[in-house]
């Protein structure tokens, strides 16, 4: 291709701005890339021409040179996508005021730094052909990650390494990775290993009246469970069998009116009347024939050795009744 009257390779980048000559509006100027705008001159005055991807458009310079005093003002293009008003004075068009730009007032191809981006880089904004700033590429990235990025590490775990577990780390505000956190729980996945070598598992079941017995199995080197062992001895059955009865202990051990009953949890109950008995001939401190109850004001009745209340309601004095 011809550049400034010289044939050049379109793939070259003479000004080292990252744009090949085929798309560069001026490959001898590193400040000019794919878009540009410049003033051009025609036989009747100045105008503007724009370049996109290395191709320059027509010059917008006016084509009418003559004018007469009193002609209506005219407008022509000026840099920054602007318009310039001209009036006729002495048969010549002259500028009236300054160029009025449009858009953001920038020049096509012009660049400026924007917000932080990527791995501690700076977003480069570029002025487009409508003279408006547009977000461009992220330049000057110097970090190893973008702030807020999450990196996940994974390793094998579980029975014979058939499961997986993960840990994570976060990218800091300075675009560098922090330390990894702790490993998560092992996900066994769908691998063939069902356990870890040497791992044991225990089962238990009820036995006897209130006891339990256990058995175990061990994971072998192939990550498979071995056979269950035999059930162990029955333990924790308690001092009695549910529903069994016995004499009371302590001061009421000699009483035939009461007994203890073994509960469903194989534990002895407190002393309670035997079925059919109305009272205990023994008092709580072991005195026979001394248990009584009030049967009206100033009257009492005693528990007989038959474990029934007497039918006679006898008068008493100072008995508290």
Protein backbone atom coordinates (compact mmCIF):
# COMPACT_ATOMS: atom_id res chain seq x y z
CA UNK A 1 0.00 0.00 0.00
CA UNK A 2 1.06 3.58 -0.62
CA UNK A 3 1.81 5.68 2.47
CA UNK A 4 3.13 9.23 1.93
CA UNK A 5 4.21 8.29 -1.60
CA UNK A 6 6.06 5.16 -0.46
CA UNK A 7 5.00 1.52 -0.91
CA UNK A 8 4.84 -0.27 2.49
CA UNK A 9 3.79 -3.70 3.76
CA UNK A 10 0.19 -3.42 5.15
CA UNK A 11 1.17 -5.74 8.02
CA UNK A 12 3.91 -3.46 9.32
CA UNK A 13 3.48 -1.15 12.32
CA UNK A 14 6.09 1.52 11.78
CA UNK A 15 4.99 3.82 14.59
CA UNK A 16 4.61 0.88 17.05
CA UNK A 17 1.15 1.95 18.22
CA UNK A 18 -0.37 -1.53 17.90
CA UNK A 19 -2.25 -0.75 14.66
CA UNK A 20 -0.98 -2.23 11.39
CA UNK A 21 -0.34 0.13 8.52
CA UNK A 22 -3.39 -1.16 6.62
CA UNK A 23 -5.73 0.20 9.33
CA UNK A 24 -3.62 3.07 10.69
CA UNK A 25 -4.67 6.58 9.65
CA UNK A 26 -1.00 7.65 9.97
CA UNK A 27 1.54 4.87 10.54
CA UNK A 28 4.30 7.43 11.02
CA UNK A 29 2.61 8.99 14.07
CA UNK A 30 2.15 6.87 17.18
CA UNK A 31 -0.55 9.25 18.48
CA UNK A 32 -2.83 8.45 15.53
CA UNK A 33 -4.49 5.05 15.19
CA UNK A 34 -7.65 3.74 13.54
CA UNK A 35 -9.59 7.05 13.71
CA UNK A 36 -8.51 10.60 13.09
CA UNK A 37 -9.72 14.02 11.96
CA UNK A 38 -7.73 16.76 10.27
CA UNK A 39 -8.20 20.13 8.65
CA UNK A 40 -8.14 20.13 4.87
CA UNK A 41 -8.13 22.97 2.37
CA UNK A 42 -10.12 23.36 -0.85
CA UNK A 43 -10.06 26.11 -3.46
CA UNK A 44 -12.81 27.98 -1.58
CA UNK A 45 -11.67 27.61 2.03
CA UNK A 46 -10.87 25.13 4.82
CA UNK A 47 -12.81 22.01 5.74
CA UNK A 48 -12.44 18.76 7.68
CA UNK A 49 -11.78 15.19 6.61
CA UNK A 50 -12.13 12.09 8.82
CA UNK A 51 -10.33 8.72 8.72
CA UNK A 52 -11.71 5.32 9.77
CA UNK A 53 -9.54 2.15 9.73
CA UNK A 54 -6.93 3.83 7.59
CA UNK A 55 -9.29 5.19 4.97
CA UNK A 56 -9.65 8.99 4.69
CA UNK A 57 -12.98 10.45 3.65
CA UNK A 58 -13.62 13.41 1.36
CA UNK A 59 -12.71 16.92 2.42
CA UNK A 60 -15.72 18.96 3.54
CA UNK A 61 -14.29 22.28 2.29
CA UNK A 62 -16.89 24.52 0.59
CA UNK A 63 -17.08 24.52 -3.19
CA UNK A 64 -18.57 27.97 -3.67
CA UNK A 65 -16.04 30.79 -3.49
CA UNK A 66 -17.89 33.92 -4.57
CA UNK A 67 -20.39 35.81 -2.47
CA UNK A 68 -22.11 39.18 -2.41
CA UNK A 69 -22.50 41.40 0.57
CA UNK A 70 -25.91 40.75 2.06
CA UNK A 71 -25.93 37.03 1.16
CA UNK A 72 -27.33 34.80 3.95
CA UNK A 73 -24.68 33.35 6.30
CA UNK A 74 -23.47 29.83 5.60
CA UNK A 75 -22.09 27.04 7.82
CA UNK A 76 -19.14 24.78 7.08
CA UNK A 77 -17.63 21.84 9.00
CA UNK A 78 -14.88 22.49 11.51
CA UNK A 79 -12.79 20.23 13.84
CA UNK A 80 -14.50 18.43 16.74
CA UNK A 81 -17.52 17.50 14.59
CA UNK A 82 -18.42 21.18 14.78
CA UNK A 83 -19.90 23.86 12.57
CA UNK A 84 -18.46 27.22 11.68
CA UNK A 85 -20.67 30.14 10.66
CA UNK A 86 -19.36 32.36 7.84
CA UNK A 87 -20.66 35.70 6.50
CA UNK A 88 -19.89 37.47 3.26
CA UNK A 89 -17.77 40.59 3.63
CA UNK A 90 -16.40 42.39 0.59
CA UNK A 91 -17.20 39.44 -1.62
CA UNK A 92 -15.26 37.03 0.58
CA UNK A 93 -16.55 34.44 3.08
CA UNK A 94 -15.10 35.05 6.56
CA UNK A 95 -15.62 33.23 9.88
CA UNK A 96 -18.23 34.68 12.19
CA UNK A 97 -17.43 33.65 15.78
CA UNK A 98 -15.76 30.44 16.94
CA UNK A 99 -16.25 26.83 15.83
CA UNK A 100 -19.18 25.26 17.72
CA UNK A 101 -18.30 21.64 18.50
CA UNK A 102 -20.82 18.80 19.04
CA UNK A 103 -20.84 15.57 21.00
CA UNK A 104 -18.22 15.69 23.75
CA UNK A 105 -16.11 18.12 21.74
CA UNK A 106 -13.20 15.67 21.42
CA UNK A 107 -11.30 14.94 18.23
CA UNK A 108 -11.80 11.53 16.58
CA UNK A 109 -8.99 9.14 17.51
CA UNK A 110 -8.07 11.12 20.64
CA UNK A 111 -7.64 8.94 23.78
CA UNK A 112 -7.81 9.54 27.51
CA UNK A 113 -7.62 7.49 30.70
CA UNK A 114 -10.88 6.34 32.29
CA UNK A 115 -11.88 4.22 35.29
CA UNK A 116 -9.73 1.41 36.79
CA UNK A 117 -10.26 -1.89 34.99
CA UNK A 118 -9.04 -5.46 34.73
CA UNK A 119 -5.91 -6.40 36.65
CA UNK A 120 -5.12 -2.93 38.05
CA UNK A 121 -5.20 -1.36 34.59
CA UNK A 122 -6.84 1.83 33.37
CA UNK A 123 -9.69 1.84 30.87
CA UNK A 124 -8.70 3.82 27.78
CA UNK A 125 -11.49 5.90 26.28
CA UNK A 126 -11.37 6.82 22.61
CA UNK A 127 -13.14 9.60 20.74
CA UNK A 128 -15.26 8.18 17.91
CA UNK A 129 -16.17 9.78 14.57
CA UNK A 130 -19.15 11.53 16.20
CA UNK A 131 -16.70 13.23 18.60
CA UNK A 132 -18.11 11.29 21.58
CA UNK A 133 -16.02 9.45 24.15
CA UNK A 134 -16.42 5.64 23.97
CA UNK A 135 -14.98 2.96 26.28
CA UNK A 136 -11.94 1.35 24.74
CA UNK A 137 -9.43 -1.27 25.79
CA UNK A 138 -7.98 -1.82 29.27
CA UNK A 139 -4.37 -0.65 29.31
CA UNK A 140 -1.45 -1.08 31.70
CA UNK A 141 -2.67 -4.19 33.52
CA UNK A 142 0.10 -5.05 35.97
CA UNK A 143 -1.59 -7.47 38.42
CA UNK A 144 -2.19 -11.19 38.36
CA UNK A 145 -5.97 -11.02 38.87
CA UNK A 146 -8.89 -8.61 39.00
CA UNK A 147 -10.13 -7.41 42.44
CA UNK A 148 -12.95 -9.63 43.66
CA UNK A 149 -12.04 -12.60 41.45
CA UNK A 150 -12.34 -16.01 43.13
CA UNK A 151 -9.91 -18.85 42.38
CA UNK A 152 -10.90 -22.42 43.24
CA UNK A 153 -8.41 -25.21 43.96
CA UNK A 154 -9.45 -28.88 43.97
CA UNK A 155 -7.88 -32.13 45.14
CA UNK A 156 -8.81 -35.78 45.50
CA UNK A 157 -10.03 -37.13 48.84
CA UNK A 158 -12.10 -39.88 50.41
CA UNK A 159 -11.94 -43.58 49.75
CA UNK A 160 -9.01 -44.31 47.43
CA UNK A 161 -9.12 -40.71 46.20
CA UNK A 162 -12.46 -41.06 44.41
CA UNK A 163 -13.96 -37.95 46.05
CA UNK A 164 -13.04 -34.28 45.72
CA UNK A 165 -12.79 -31.26 47.98
CA UNK A 166 -12.16 -27.61 47.22
CA UNK A 167 -10.71 -24.45 48.72
CA UNK A 168 -10.79 -20.87 47.46
CA UNK A 169 -8.79 -17.65 47.49
CA UNK A 170 -9.77 -14.08 46.59
CA UNK A 171 -8.05 -11.36 44.59
CA UNK A 172 -7.19 -8.27 46.67
CA UNK A 173 -7.59 -4.60 45.78
CA UNK A 174 -3.92 -4.61 44.70
CA UNK A 175 -4.64 -7.32 42.09
CA UNK A 176 -2.74 -10.08 43.87
CA UNK A 177 -4.05 -13.44 45.11
CA UNK A 178 -4.57 -13.93 48.84
CA UNK A 179 -3.95 -17.18 50.70
CA UNK A 180 -6.17 -20.19 50.17
CA UNK A 181 -8.80 -20.88 52.83
CA UNK A 182 -9.35 -24.23 54.55
CA UNK A 183 -10.33 -27.30 52.56
CA UNK A 184 -14.08 -27.94 52.38
CA UNK A 185 -15.77 -31.23 53.20
CA UNK A 186 -15.06 -34.19 50.96
CA UNK A 187 -17.67 -34.87 48.30
CA UNK A 188 -17.57 -38.63 47.65
CA UNK A 189 -18.90 -38.13 44.14
CA UNK A 190 -19.77 -41.23 42.12
CA UNK A 191 -16.45 -43.06 42.36
CA UNK A 192 -16.11 -46.78 43.14
CA UNK A 193 -14.51 -46.31 46.57
CA UNK A 194 -17.05 -46.55 49.39
CA UNK A 195 -14.73 -45.85 52.33
CA UNK A 196 -11.17 -44.90 53.33
CA UNK A 197 -8.70 -47.69 54.17
CA UNK A 198 -8.65 -48.35 57.92
CA UNK A 199 -11.98 -46.57 58.52
CA UNK A 200 -14.35 -48.44 60.88
CA UNK A 201 -18.13 -48.44 61.11
CA UNK A 202 -20.22 -49.56 64.10
CA UNK A 203 -23.79 -50.84 64.34
CA UNK A 204 -25.82 -51.44 67.52
CA UNK A 205 -29.08 -53.20 68.34
CA UNK A 206 -31.28 -53.85 71.36
CA UNK A 207 -30.78 -57.07 73.30
CA UNK A 208 -32.18 -58.67 76.42
CA UNK A 209 -34.72 -56.58 78.31
CA UNK A 210 -33.00 -53.19 78.21
CA UNK A 211 -29.48 -53.82 76.88
CA UNK A 212 -27.62 -53.16 73.64
CA UNK A 213 -24.89 -54.96 71.72
CA UNK A 214 -22.60 -53.77 68.91
CA UNK A 215 -20.64 -55.07 65.93
CA UNK A 216 -18.06 -53.43 63.64
CA UNK A 217 -16.56 -53.65 60.16
CA UNK A 218 -13.35 -52.18 58.68
CA UNK A 219 -12.53 -50.65 55.29
CA UNK A 220 -9.91 -52.67 53.41
CA UNK A 221 -7.05 -51.41 51.19
CA UNK A 222 -9.30 -51.51 48.15
CA UNK A 223 -11.70 -48.99 49.71
CA UNK A 224 -14.43 -51.60 50.24
CA UNK A 225 -16.14 -52.53 53.51
CA UNK A 226 -15.15 -55.84 55.04
CA UNK A 227 -17.59 -58.29 56.67
CA UNK A 228 -19.37 -57.42 59.91
CA UNK A 229 -17.95 -58.91 63.09
CA UNK A 230 -20.11 -61.03 65.40
CA UNK A 231 -22.44 -59.23 67.78
CA UNK A 232 -20.79 -58.38 71.09
CA UNK A 233 -22.11 -59.22 74.54
CA UNK A 234 -25.32 -57.65 75.78
CA UNK A 235 -24.65 -54.81 78.22
CA UNK A 236 -26.54 -52.10 80.05
CA UNK A 237 -29.60 -54.23 80.88
CA UNK A 238 -30.31 -52.68 84.31
CA UNK A 239 -30.94 -54.33 87.73
CA UNK A 240 -34.29 -55.95 86.85
CA UNK A 241 -36.56 -57.18 84.10
CA UNK A 242 -39.65 -55.15 83.15
CA UNK A 243 -42.71 -56.17 85.21
CA UNK A 244 -40.71 -57.98 87.92
CA UNK A 245 -41.56 -57.24 91.63
CA UNK A 246 -39.56 -57.33 94.88
CA UNK A 247 -39.86 -56.34 98.54
CA UNK A 248 -39.18 -52.75 99.38
CA UNK A 249 -35.82 -51.84 100.91
CA UNK A 250 -35.02 -49.81 104.02
CA UNK A 251 -37.54 -49.18 106.86
CA UNK A 252 -40.43 -50.67 104.90
CA UNK A 253 -38.65 -53.86 103.87
CA UNK A 254 -40.71 -55.95 106.30
CA UNK A 255 -44.07 -54.71 105.07
CA UNK A 256 -46.20 -57.13 103.12
CA UNK A 257 -48.53 -54.40 101.92
CA UNK A 258 -46.11 -52.79 99.47
CA UNK A 259 -43.53 -53.82 96.88
CA UNK A 260 -41.35 -52.44 94.08
CA UNK A 261 -42.10 -52.92 90.35
CA UNK A 262 -39.47 -52.99 87.58
CA UNK A 263 -40.15 -50.38 84.87
CA UNK A 264 -39.83 -50.76 81.08
CA UNK A 265 -36.36 -49.24 81.36
CA UNK A 266 -35.30 -52.00 83.78
CA UNK A 267 -35.19 -49.76 86.85
CA UNK A 268 -36.92 -50.38 90.25
CA UNK A 269 -39.78 -48.09 91.14
CA UNK A 270 -40.28 -46.57 94.60
CA UNK A 271 -42.43 -48.51 97.12
CA UNK A 272 -46.05 -48.75 96.02
CA UNK A 273 -49.12 -50.61 97.31
CA UNK A 274 -49.64 -54.11 96.02
CA UNK A 275 -52.76 -54.55 93.91
CA UNK A 276 -55.89 -54.75 96.12
CA UNK A 277 -54.25 -53.12 99.16
CA UNK A 278 -55.66 -49.86 100.49
CA UNK A 279 -52.85 -48.90 102.89
CA UNK A 280 -49.49 -49.92 104.33
CA UNK A 281 -49.53 -51.26 107.91
CA UNK A 282 -45.94 -49.92 108.24
CA UNK A 283 -45.21 -46.21 108.48
CA UNK A 284 -42.49 -44.68 106.33
CA UNK A 285 -40.05 -44.95 109.26
CA UNK A 286 -40.80 -48.68 109.76
CA UNK A 287 -43.24 -48.69 112.72
CA UNK A 288 -45.92 -51.40 112.33
CA UNK A 289 -49.57 -50.58 113.18
CA UNK A 290 -48.95 -46.84 113.46
CA UNK A 291 -50.29 -45.60 110.12
CA UNK A 292 -53.54 -43.69 110.48
CA UNK A 293 -55.72 -41.16 108.74
CA UNK A 294 -58.31 -38.68 109.96
CA UNK A 295 -61.94 -39.63 109.49
CA UNK A 296 -63.60 -36.47 110.76
CA UNK A 297 -62.98 -33.82 113.36
CA UNK A 298 -61.32 -35.43 116.45
CA UNK A 299 -61.51 -38.95 114.94
CA UNK A 300 -59.06 -41.36 113.28
CA UNK A 301 -58.81 -44.80 111.82
CA UNK A 302 -55.79 -47.14 111.53
CA UNK A 303 -54.35 -49.33 108.75
CA UNK A 304 -54.78 -52.98 109.79
CA UNK A 305 -52.25 -55.75 109.20
CA UNK A 306 -54.56 -56.88 106.41
CA UNK A 307 -53.47 -53.75 104.53
CA UNK A 308 -57.01 -52.30 104.73
CA UNK A 309 -58.37 -49.33 106.67
CA UNK A 310 -60.31 -50.23 109.79
CA UNK A 311 -64.05 -49.63 109.59
CA UNK A 312 -64.11 -48.08 113.06
CA UNK A 313 -63.61 -44.30 113.24
CA UNK A 314 -62.32 -43.83 116.84
CA UNK A 315 -62.28 -40.58 118.79
CA UNK A 316 -58.89 -39.05 119.45
CA UNK A 317 -57.53 -36.12 121.38
CA UNK A 318 -54.50 -34.08 120.22
CA UNK A 319 -54.19 -36.25 117.14
CA UNK A 320 -54.40 -33.28 114.77
CA UNK A 321 -57.65 -34.42 113.24
